[in-house]
Amino acid sequence: MAVKRAALALAAATWWTLLSAVSCAQDAVTAVKPVARPHVVGIGFRGTIKPSDVDRLRQAIALAGEERIPARLIVFFDSGGGDGLAAMQIGRMLRHAKAHVFVTKRCASACIFAYVGGVYREALPGTLGIHRGRVTATVEQGRIVDVDPGASPVARMFLTDAEAQMQDHLYEMGMPSGLFDAMQAVSPKSMRWLSTDEATSLGLIGFDAAYLADRAKEMQARYGVSEEEYVRRSRGVLPHCADLAGEHASFIACYRKELLAAPQ
């Protein structure tokens, strides 16, 4: 199909398609399942992120009580990407809700923009994937085709605008500039899967600094746990509790136990 025709279709589309990953086409459905416990809500995002997930997340957040140990909202991601606009909105909502976020399988492409909203972020090695955004258009019979920004002024405009919004979002979430640079260095048709050291250096692993400062004071005052010890225990949660990620209540119980366990 001619690029010109695809570009015309793109002009009527929303720009979220710019952030779709190559692997997203394999995702059949997104499951967002709130599981409430007293003052704690666990949510799982599985599959392609879609605009409808924003409303589901909003409903789940409404179930959460006040801030508790380990957190009022705990989120699990298993997504190859999807709607970039929705992902960024989810990320902002997670930050406002002071969510702790975990990845035991994968979070790639647009999923990263939701994941960075967590005030505490943790992922198993090789489960975070990044690449540069790409431009797609929906044409006849709902087919999605790639559009070359170099050959279409409309596509180039969309990509420029999307990349500016992506960069602004990462800055708003407190991510280092190196993360956006690392994304831009990867072909939109490829994926760079990050090691734990790489993800940590790019700001994708660990605490939001402002949140940690407040939380550490609470942990010291209420439980006698220093900031250094709180960070150490938090980093030990996923290795000990990852197998329970499919059962949110069990993971939450394991998480709490790891944070409040007596020193060995």
C-alpha atoms as a PDB file:
ATOM      1  CA  MET A   1       0.000   0.000   0.000  1.00  0.00           C
ATOM      2  CA  ALA A   2       1.308   3.452  -0.800  1.00  0.00           C
ATOM      3  CA  VAL A   3       2.787   5.409   2.077  1.00  0.00           C
ATOM      4  CA  LYS A   4       0.684   8.414   1.099  1.00  0.00           C
ATOM      5  CA  ARG A   5      -2.546   6.515   1.686  1.00  0.00           C
ATOM      6  CA  ALA A   6      -1.318   5.174   4.996  1.00  0.00           C
ATOM      7  CA  ALA A   7      -0.290   8.662   6.043  1.00  0.00           C
ATOM      8  CA  LEU A   8      -3.786   9.964   5.342  1.00  0.00           C
ATOM      9  CA  ALA A   9      -5.161   7.258   7.600  1.00  0.00           C
ATOM     10  CA  LEU A  10      -2.609   8.208  10.208  1.00  0.00           C
ATOM     11  CA  ALA A  11      -3.820  11.803  10.234  1.00  0.00           C
ATOM     12  CA  ALA A  12      -7.168  10.629  11.589  1.00  0.00           C
ATOM     13  CA  ALA A  13      -5.595   8.315  14.157  1.00  0.00           C
ATOM     14  CA  THR A  14      -4.390   9.065  17.665  1.00  0.00           C
ATOM     15  CA  TRP A  15      -0.623   9.194  18.102  1.00  0.00           C
ATOM     16  CA  TRP A  16      -0.460   6.342  20.629  1.00  0.00           C
ATOM     17  CA  THR A  17       0.355   3.960  17.797  1.00  0.00           C
ATOM     18  CA  LEU A  18       3.790   5.570  17.601  1.00  0.00           C
ATOM     19  CA  LEU A  19       4.825   3.672  20.693  1.00  0.00           C
ATOM     20  CA  SER A  20       3.663   0.193  19.682  1.00  0.00           C
ATOM     21  CA  ALA A  21       6.244  -2.564  19.938  1.00  0.00           C
ATOM     22  CA  VAL A  22       6.843  -5.219  17.310  1.00  0.00           C
ATOM     23  CA  SER A  23       5.928  -7.842  19.906  1.00  0.00           C
ATOM     24  CA  CYS A  24       2.605  -6.199  20.775  1.00  0.00           C
ATOM     25  CA  ALA A  25       0.823  -7.815  17.849  1.00  0.00           C
ATOM     26  CA  GLN A  26       1.212 -11.132  19.661  1.00  0.00           C
ATOM     27  CA  ASP A  27      -0.751  -9.933  22.702  1.00  0.00           C
ATOM     28  CA  ALA A  28      -4.355 -11.015  22.659  1.00  0.00           C
ATOM     29  CA  VAL A  29      -5.830  -9.146  25.597  1.00  0.00           C
ATOM     30  CA  THR A  30      -5.011  -7.009  28.590  1.00  0.00           C
ATOM     31  CA  ALA A  31      -6.135  -8.231  31.984  1.00  0.00           C
ATOM     32  CA  VAL A  32      -6.331  -5.707  34.801  1.00  0.00           C
ATOM     33  CA  LYS A  33      -7.536  -7.485  37.888  1.00  0.00           C
ATOM     34  CA  PRO A  34      -7.887  -5.546  41.137  1.00  0.00           C
ATOM     35  CA  VAL A  35      -7.392  -7.732  44.190  1.00  0.00           C
ATOM     36  CA  ALA A  36      -8.216  -5.843  47.350  1.00  0.00           C
ATOM     37  CA  ARG A  37      -6.871  -6.529  50.837  1.00  0.00           C
ATOM     38  CA  PRO A  38      -7.291  -4.214  53.830  1.00  0.00           C
ATOM     39  CA  HIS A  39      -5.733  -0.922  52.758  1.00  0.00           C
ATOM     40  CA  VAL A  40      -3.689  -2.649  50.013  1.00  0.00           C
ATOM     41  CA  VAL A  41      -4.619  -3.243  46.374  1.00  0.00           C
ATOM     42  CA  GLY A  42      -2.748  -5.522  43.992  1.00  0.00           C
ATOM     43  CA  ILE A  43      -3.219  -5.047  40.236  1.00  0.00           C
ATOM     44  CA  GLY A  44      -1.919  -7.092  37.314  1.00  0.00           C
ATOM     45  CA  PHE A  45      -1.457  -5.670  33.806  1.00  0.00           C
ATOM     46  CA  ARG A  46      -1.096  -8.458  31.255  1.00  0.00           C
ATOM     47  CA  GLY A  47      -0.922  -8.074  27.482  1.00  0.00           C
ATOM     48  CA  THR A  48      -1.324  -4.978  25.353  1.00  0.00           C
ATOM     49  CA  ILE A  49      -1.989  -1.750  27.271  1.00  0.00           C
ATOM     50  CA  LYS A  50      -5.204  -0.092  26.081  1.00  0.00           C
ATOM     51  CA  PRO A  51      -7.133   3.103  26.935  1.00  0.00           C
ATOM     52  CA  SER A  52      -9.744   1.079  28.833  1.00  0.00           C
ATOM     53  CA  ASP A  53      -7.035   0.140  31.352  1.00  0.00           C
ATOM     54  CA  VAL A  54      -6.992   3.726  32.604  1.00  0.00           C
ATOM     55  CA  ASP A  55     -10.559   3.456  33.897  1.00  0.00           C
ATOM     56  CA  ARG A  56      -9.903   0.028  35.391  1.00  0.00           C
ATOM     57  CA  LEU A  57      -6.887   1.373  37.215  1.00  0.00           C
ATOM     58  CA  ARG A  58      -8.884   4.337  38.462  1.00  0.00           C
ATOM     59  CA  GLN A  59     -11.488   1.963  39.912  1.00  0.00           C
ATOM     60  CA  ALA A  60      -8.781  -0.131  41.552  1.00  0.00           C
ATOM     61  CA  ILE A  61      -7.069   2.877  43.107  1.00  0.00           C
ATOM     62  CA  ALA A  62     -10.408   3.874  44.627  1.00  0.00           C
ATOM     63  CA  LEU A  63     -10.309   0.618  46.609  1.00  0.00           C
ATOM     64  CA  ALA A  64      -6.961   1.410  48.208  1.00  0.00           C
ATOM     65  CA  GLY A  65      -6.895   2.802  51.705  1.00  0.00           C
ATOM     66  CA  GLU A  66      -4.273   4.980  53.305  1.00  0.00           C
ATOM     67  CA  GLU A  67      -0.566   4.301  52.894  1.00  0.00           C
ATOM     68  CA  ARG A  68       0.435   1.034  54.563  1.00  0.00           C
ATOM     69  CA  ILE A  69       3.307  -1.447  54.659  1.00  0.00           C
ATOM     70  CA  PRO A  70       4.350  -2.538  52.109  1.00  0.00           C
ATOM     71  CA  ALA A  71       2.311  -0.016  50.021  1.00  0.00           C
ATOM     72  CA  ARG A  72      -1.279   0.987  49.342  1.00  0.00           C
ATOM     73  CA  LEU A  73      -0.982  -0.088  45.694  1.00  0.00           C
ATOM     74  CA  ILE A  74       1.184  -2.868  44.231  1.00  0.00           C
ATOM     75  CA  VAL A  75       1.309  -3.357  40.462  1.00  0.00           C
ATOM     76  CA  PHE A  76       2.575  -6.265  38.351  1.00  0.00           C
ATOM     77  CA  PHE A  77       3.404  -5.801  34.669  1.00  0.00           C
ATOM     78  CA  ASP A  78       3.548  -8.453  31.953  1.00  0.00           C
ATOM     79  CA  SER A  79       3.186  -6.419  28.773  1.00  0.00           C
ATOM     80  CA  GLY A  80       4.972  -6.013  25.462  1.00  0.00           C
ATOM     81  CA  GLY A  81       3.642  -2.460  25.073  1.00  0.00           C
ATOM     82  CA  GLY A  82       0.554  -0.952  23.483  1.00  0.00           C
ATOM     83  CA  ASP A  83      -1.097   2.458  23.713  1.00  0.00           C
ATOM     84  CA  GLY A  84       1.597   4.977  24.613  1.00  0.00           C
ATOM     85  CA  LEU A  85      -0.819   7.735  25.605  1.00  0.00           C
ATOM     86  CA  ALA A  86      -2.659   5.394  27.973  1.00  0.00           C
ATOM     87  CA  ALA A  87       0.653   4.091  29.333  1.00  0.00           C
ATOM     88  CA  MET A  88       1.808   7.590  30.238  1.00  0.00           C
ATOM     89  CA  GLN A  89      -1.511   8.374  31.892  1.00  0.00           C
ATOM     90  CA  ILE A  90      -1.248   5.141  33.881  1.00  0.00           C
ATOM     91  CA  GLY A  91       2.276   6.108  34.884  1.00  0.00           C
ATOM     92  CA  ARG A  92       1.111   9.452  36.251  1.00  0.00           C
ATOM     93  CA  MET A  93      -1.727   7.771  38.137  1.00  0.00           C
ATOM     94  CA  LEU A  94       0.667   5.233  39.652  1.00  0.00           C
ATOM     95  CA  ARG A  95       2.978   8.012  40.809  1.00  0.00           C
ATOM     96  CA  HIS A  96       0.110   9.898  42.432  1.00  0.00           C
ATOM     97  CA  ALA A  97      -1.034   6.689  44.147  1.00  0.00           C
ATOM     98  CA  LYS A  98       2.529   5.945  45.350  1.00  0.00           C
ATOM     99  CA  ALA A  99       2.471   2.539  43.696  1.00  0.00           C
ATOM    100  CA  HIS A 100       5.200  -0.072  43.988  1.00  0.00           C
ATOM    101  CA  VAL A 101       5.679  -1.823  40.635  1.00  0.00           C
ATOM    102  CA  PHE A 102       7.201  -5.186  39.735  1.00  0.00           C
ATOM    103  CA  VAL A 103       8.065  -7.100  36.577  1.00  0.00           C
ATOM    104  CA  THR A 104       8.672 -10.843  36.664  1.00  0.00           C
ATOM    105  CA  LYS A 105       8.076 -11.608  32.969  1.00  0.00           C
ATOM    106  CA  ARG A 106       8.312  -8.552  30.702  1.00  0.00           C
ATOM    107  CA  CYS A 107       7.599  -4.855  30.382  1.00  0.00           C
ATOM    108  CA  ALA A 108       8.671  -3.436  27.048  1.00  0.00           C
ATOM    109  CA  SER A 109       8.077  -0.546  24.663  1.00  0.00           C
ATOM    110  CA  ALA A 110       5.121   1.606  25.812  1.00  0.00           C
ATOM    111  CA  CYS A 111       4.857  -0.434  29.030  1.00  0.00           C
ATOM    112  CA  ILE A 112       7.967   1.354  30.254  1.00  0.00           C
ATOM    113  CA  PHE A 113       6.054   4.649  30.354  1.00  0.00           C
ATOM    114  CA  ALA A 114       3.573   3.138  32.808  1.00  0.00           C
ATOM    115  CA  TYR A 115       6.240   1.302  34.805  1.00  0.00           C
ATOM    116  CA  VAL A 116       8.317   4.433  35.507  1.00  0.00           C
ATOM    117  CA  GLY A 117       5.383   5.860  37.452  1.00  0.00           C
ATOM    118  CA  GLY A 118       6.101   3.545  40.370  1.00  0.00           C
ATOM    119  CA  VAL A 119       7.697   5.131  43.435  1.00  0.00           C
ATOM    120  CA  TYR A 120       9.474   1.813  43.892  1.00  0.00           C
ATOM    121  CA  ARG A 121      10.410  -0.175  40.795  1.00  0.00           C
ATOM    122  CA  GLU A 122      11.862  -3.671  40.578  1.00  0.00           C
ATOM    123  CA  ALA A 123      12.235  -6.159  37.737  1.00  0.00           C
ATOM    124  CA  LEU A 124      13.921  -9.493  37.193  1.00  0.00           C
ATOM    125  CA  PRO A 125      17.010  -9.415  34.935  1.00  0.00           C
ATOM    126  CA  GLY A 126      16.280  -9.126  31.218  1.00  0.00           C
ATOM    127  CA  THR A 127      12.561  -8.348  31.608  1.00  0.00           C
ATOM    128  CA  LEU A 128      12.657  -4.612  30.742  1.00  0.00           C
ATOM    129  CA  GLY A 129      12.794  -3.833  27.011  1.00  0.00           C
ATOM    130  CA  ILE A 130      13.334  -0.484  25.298  1.00  0.00           C
ATOM    131  CA  HIS A 131      13.444   0.842  21.753  1.00  0.00           C
ATOM    132  CA  ARG A 132      12.678   3.964  19.751  1.00  0.00           C
ATOM    133  CA  GLY A 133       9.049   4.756  18.917  1.00  0.00           C
ATOM    134  CA  ARG A 134       7.683   3.823  15.510  1.00  0.00           C
ATOM    135  CA  VAL A 135       4.846   5.215  13.403  1.00  0.00           C
ATOM    136  CA  THR A 136       1.950   2.989  12.392  1.00  0.00           C
ATOM    137  CA  ALA A 137      -1.408   3.622  10.736  1.00  0.00           C
ATOM    138  CA  THR A 138      -4.666   1.701  10.818  1.00  0.00           C
ATOM    139  CA  VAL A 139      -5.959   1.106   7.287  1.00  0.00           C
ATOM    140  CA  GLU A 140      -8.594  -1.072   5.593  1.00  0.00           C
ATOM    141  CA  GLN A 141     -10.125  -3.871   7.662  1.00  0.00           C
ATOM    142  CA  GLY A 142      -8.307  -2.687  10.751  1.00  0.00           C
ATOM    143  CA  ARG A 143      -4.882  -3.667   9.485  1.00  0.00           C
ATOM    144  CA  ILE A 144      -1.920  -1.871  11.066  1.00  0.00           C
ATOM    145  CA  VAL A 145       0.940  -0.886   8.792  1.00  0.00           C
ATOM    146  CA  ASP A 146       4.255   0.860   9.406  1.00  0.00           C
ATOM    147  CA  VAL A 147       4.708   4.356   8.017  1.00  0.00           C
ATOM    148  CA  ASP A 148       8.185   5.654   7.197  1.00  0.00           C
ATOM    149  CA  PRO A 149       8.651   9.080   8.868  1.00  0.00           C
ATOM    150  CA  GLY A 150      11.327   9.856   6.325  1.00  0.00           C
ATOM    151  CA  ALA A 151       8.826   9.551   3.476  1.00  0.00           C
ATOM    152  CA  SER A 152       5.775  11.163   5.101  1.00  0.00           C
ATOM    153  CA  PRO A 153       5.662  14.708   6.534  1.00  0.00           C
ATOM    154  CA  VAL A 154       2.556  13.766   8.544  1.00  0.00           C
ATOM    155  CA  ALA A 155       4.279  10.756  10.076  1.00  0.00           C
ATOM    156  CA  ARG A 156       7.378  12.830  10.800  1.00  0.00           C
ATOM    157  CA  MET A 157       5.241  15.430  12.579  1.00  0.00           C
ATOM    158  CA  PHE A 158       3.524  12.761  14.663  1.00  0.00           C
ATOM    159  CA  LEU A 159       6.850  11.154  15.594  1.00  0.00           C
ATOM    160  CA  THR A 160       8.428  14.467  16.583  1.00  0.00           C
ATOM    161  CA  ASP A 161       5.458  15.330  18.783  1.00  0.00           C
ATOM    162  CA  ALA A 162       5.350  11.869  20.342  1.00  0.00           C
ATOM    163  CA  GLU A 163       9.050  11.848  21.130  1.00  0.00           C
ATOM    164  CA  ALA A 164       8.741  15.249  22.811  1.00  0.00           C
ATOM    165  CA  GLN A 165       5.886  13.930  24.976  1.00  0.00           C
ATOM    166  CA  MET A 166       7.855  10.782  25.790  1.00  0.00           C
ATOM    167  CA  GLN A 167      10.853  12.825  26.889  1.00  0.00           C
ATOM    168  CA  ASP A 168       8.686  15.160  28.985  1.00  0.00           C
ATOM    169  CA  HIS A 169       7.013  12.195  30.664  1.00  0.00           C
ATOM    170  CA  LEU A 170      10.306  10.561  31.613  1.00  0.00           C
ATOM    171  CA  TYR A 171      11.533  13.879  33.018  1.00  0.00           C
ATOM    172  CA  GLU A 172       8.299  14.293  35.003  1.00  0.00           C
ATOM    173  CA  MET A 173       8.815  10.828  36.472  1.00  0.00           C
ATOM    174  CA  GLY A 174      12.342  11.726  37.545  1.00  0.00           C
ATOM    175  CA  MET A 175      14.144   9.487  35.072  1.00  0.00           C
ATOM    176  CA  PRO A 176      17.701  10.389  33.991  1.00  0.00           C
ATOM    177  CA  SER A 177      18.121  11.808  30.489  1.00  0.00           C
ATOM    178  CA  GLY A 178      20.145   8.734  29.609  1.00  0.00           C
ATOM    179  CA  LEU A 179      16.988   6.612  29.506  1.00  0.00           C
ATOM    180  CA  PHE A 180      15.462   8.533  26.605  1.00  0.00           C
ATOM    181  CA  ASP A 181      18.829   8.568  24.854  1.00  0.00           C
ATOM    182  CA  ALA A 182      19.101   4.789  25.278  1.00  0.00           C
ATOM    183  CA  MET A 183      15.618   4.329  23.795  1.00  0.00           C
ATOM    184  CA  GLN A 184      16.449   6.515  20.818  1.00  0.00           C
ATOM    185  CA  ALA A 185      19.551   4.444  20.103  1.00  0.00           C
ATOM    186  CA  VAL A 186      17.539   1.248  19.472  1.00  0.00           C
ATOM    187  CA  SER A 187      15.808   0.604  16.140  1.00  0.00           C
ATOM    188  CA  PRO A 188      11.997   0.621  16.412  1.00  0.00           C
ATOM    189  CA  LYS A 189      12.046  -2.849  14.862  1.00  0.00           C
ATOM    190  CA  SER A 190      14.405  -4.168  17.539  1.00  0.00           C
ATOM    191  CA  MET A 191      14.344  -4.462  21.328  1.00  0.00           C
ATOM    192  CA  ARG A 192      17.098  -3.972  23.885  1.00  0.00           C
ATOM    193  CA  TRP A 193      16.533  -6.133  26.935  1.00  0.00           C
ATOM    194  CA  LEU A 194      18.263  -4.613  29.943  1.00  0.00           C
ATOM    195  CA  SER A 195      20.380  -6.320  32.556  1.00  0.00           C
ATOM    196  CA  THR A 196      19.792  -5.341  36.199  1.00  0.00           C
ATOM    197  CA  ASP A 197      22.891  -3.132  36.178  1.00  0.00           C
ATOM    198  CA  GLU A 198      21.766  -1.405  32.984  1.00  0.00           C
ATOM    199  CA  ALA A 199      18.222  -0.898  34.262  1.00  0.00           C
ATOM    200  CA  THR A 200      19.534   0.495  37.539  1.00  0.00           C
ATOM    201  CA  SER A 201      21.867   2.944  35.798  1.00  0.00           C
ATOM    202  CA  LEU A 202      18.939   4.149  33.665  1.00  0.00           C
ATOM    203  CA  GLY A 203      16.765   4.784  36.722  1.00  0.00           C
ATOM    204  CA  LEU A 204      14.400   1.875  36.119  1.00  0.00           C
ATOM    205  CA  ILE A 205      15.271   0.016  39.318  1.00  0.00           C
ATOM    206  CA  GLY A 206      14.934   1.484  42.791  1.00  0.00           C
ATOM    207  CA  PHE A 207      13.093   4.237  44.653  1.00  0.00           C
ATOM    208  CA  ASP A 208      11.889   7.671  43.726  1.00  0.00           C
ATOM    209  CA  ALA A 209      14.173   9.853  45.852  1.00  0.00           C
ATOM    210  CA  ALA A 210      11.457  12.027  47.411  1.00  0.00           C
ATOM    211  CA  TYR A 211       9.320   9.014  48.293  1.00  0.00           C
ATOM    212  CA  LEU A 212      12.281   7.182  49.833  1.00  0.00           C
ATOM    213  CA  ALA A 213      13.148  10.143  52.039  1.00  0.00           C
ATOM    214  CA  ASP A 214       9.635  10.205  53.540  1.00  0.00           C
ATOM    215  CA  ARG A 215       9.218   6.430  53.710  1.00  0.00           C
ATOM    216  CA  ALA A 216      12.592   5.891  55.375  1.00  0.00           C
ATOM    217  CA  LYS A 217      11.654   8.280  58.181  1.00  0.00           C
ATOM    218  CA  GLU A 218       8.457   6.304  58.778  1.00  0.00           C
ATOM    219  CA  MET A 219      10.271   2.960  58.756  1.00  0.00           C
ATOM    220  CA  GLN A 220      12.808   4.273  61.264  1.00  0.00           C
ATOM    221  CA  ALA A 221      10.184   5.799  63.565  1.00  0.00           C
ATOM    222  CA  ARG A 222       7.674   2.926  63.500  1.00  0.00           C
ATOM    223  CA  TYR A 223       9.861  -0.143  63.062  1.00  0.00           C
ATOM    224  CA  GLY A 224      13.416   0.902  63.884  1.00  0.00           C
ATOM    225  CA  VAL A 225      14.535   0.115  60.328  1.00  0.00           C
ATOM    226  CA  SER A 226      17.192   2.437  58.911  1.00  0.00           C
ATOM    227  CA  GLU A 227      17.016   3.792  55.361  1.00  0.00           C
ATOM    228  CA  GLU A 228      19.925   1.593  54.296  1.00  0.00           C
ATOM    229  CA  GLU A 229      18.268  -1.484  55.752  1.00  0.00           C
ATOM    230  CA  TYR A 230      14.898  -0.596  54.227  1.00  0.00           C
ATOM    231  CA  VAL A 231      16.475  -0.341  50.782  1.00  0.00           C
ATOM    232  CA  ARG A 232      18.324  -3.628  51.298  1.00  0.00           C
ATOM    233  CA  ARG A 233      15.164  -5.440  52.356  1.00  0.00           C
ATOM    234  CA  SER A 234      13.161  -3.954  49.479  1.00  0.00           C
ATOM    235  CA  ARG A 235      15.716  -5.178  46.960  1.00  0.00           C
ATOM    236  CA  GLY A 236      15.383  -8.657  48.431  1.00  0.00           C
ATOM    237  CA  VAL A 237      11.620  -8.847  47.944  1.00  0.00           C
ATOM    238  CA  LEU A 238      11.490  -9.915  44.295  1.00  0.00           C
ATOM    239  CA  PRO A 239      14.085 -12.714  44.616  1.00  0.00           C
ATOM    240  CA  HIS A 240      12.126 -14.147  47.544  1.00  0.00           C
ATOM    241  CA  CYS A 241       8.555 -13.429  46.419  1.00  0.00           C
ATOM    242  CA  ALA A 242       8.602 -13.506  42.587  1.00  0.00           C
ATOM    243  CA  ASP A 243       7.065 -16.977  42.379  1.00  0.00           C
ATOM    244  CA  LEU A 244       3.988 -15.588  44.157  1.00  0.00           C
ATOM    245  CA  ALA A 245       3.403 -12.714  41.700  1.00  0.00           C
ATOM    246  CA  GLY A 246       0.494 -14.580  40.103  1.00  0.00           C
ATOM    247  CA  GLU A 247      -1.347 -14.589  43.432  1.00  0.00           C
ATOM    248  CA  HIS A 248      -1.409 -11.008  44.583  1.00  0.00           C
ATOM    249  CA  ALA A 249      -2.502 -11.610  48.167  1.00  0.00           C
ATOM    250  CA  SER A 250       0.329 -14.091  48.703  1.00  0.00           C
ATOM    251  CA  PHE A 251       2.891 -11.727  47.163  1.00  0.00           C
ATOM    252  CA  ILE A 252       1.696  -8.853  49.350  1.00  0.00           C
ATOM    253  CA  ALA A 253       2.011 -11.014  52.457  1.00  0.00           C
ATOM    254  CA  CYS A 254       5.502 -12.100  51.406  1.00  0.00           C
ATOM    255  CA  TYR A 255       6.478  -8.488  50.676  1.00  0.00           C
ATOM    256  CA  ARG A 256       5.339  -7.309  54.091  1.00  0.00           C
ATOM    257  CA  LYS A 257       7.150 -10.174  55.798  1.00  0.00           C
ATOM    258  CA  GLU A 258      10.418  -9.360  54.024  1.00  0.00           C
ATOM    259  CA  LEU A 259      10.232  -5.688  55.013  1.00  0.00           C
ATOM    260  CA  LEU A 260       9.374  -6.287  58.653  1.00  0.00           C
ATOM    261  CA  ALA A 261      11.430  -9.418  59.285  1.00  0.00           C
ATOM    262  CA  ALA A 262      13.783  -9.308  62.255  1.00  0.00           C
ATOM    263  CA  PRO A 263      17.468  -8.872  61.275  1.00  0.00           C
ATOM    264  CA  GLN A 264      19.345 -12.152  60.828  1.00  0.00           C
END
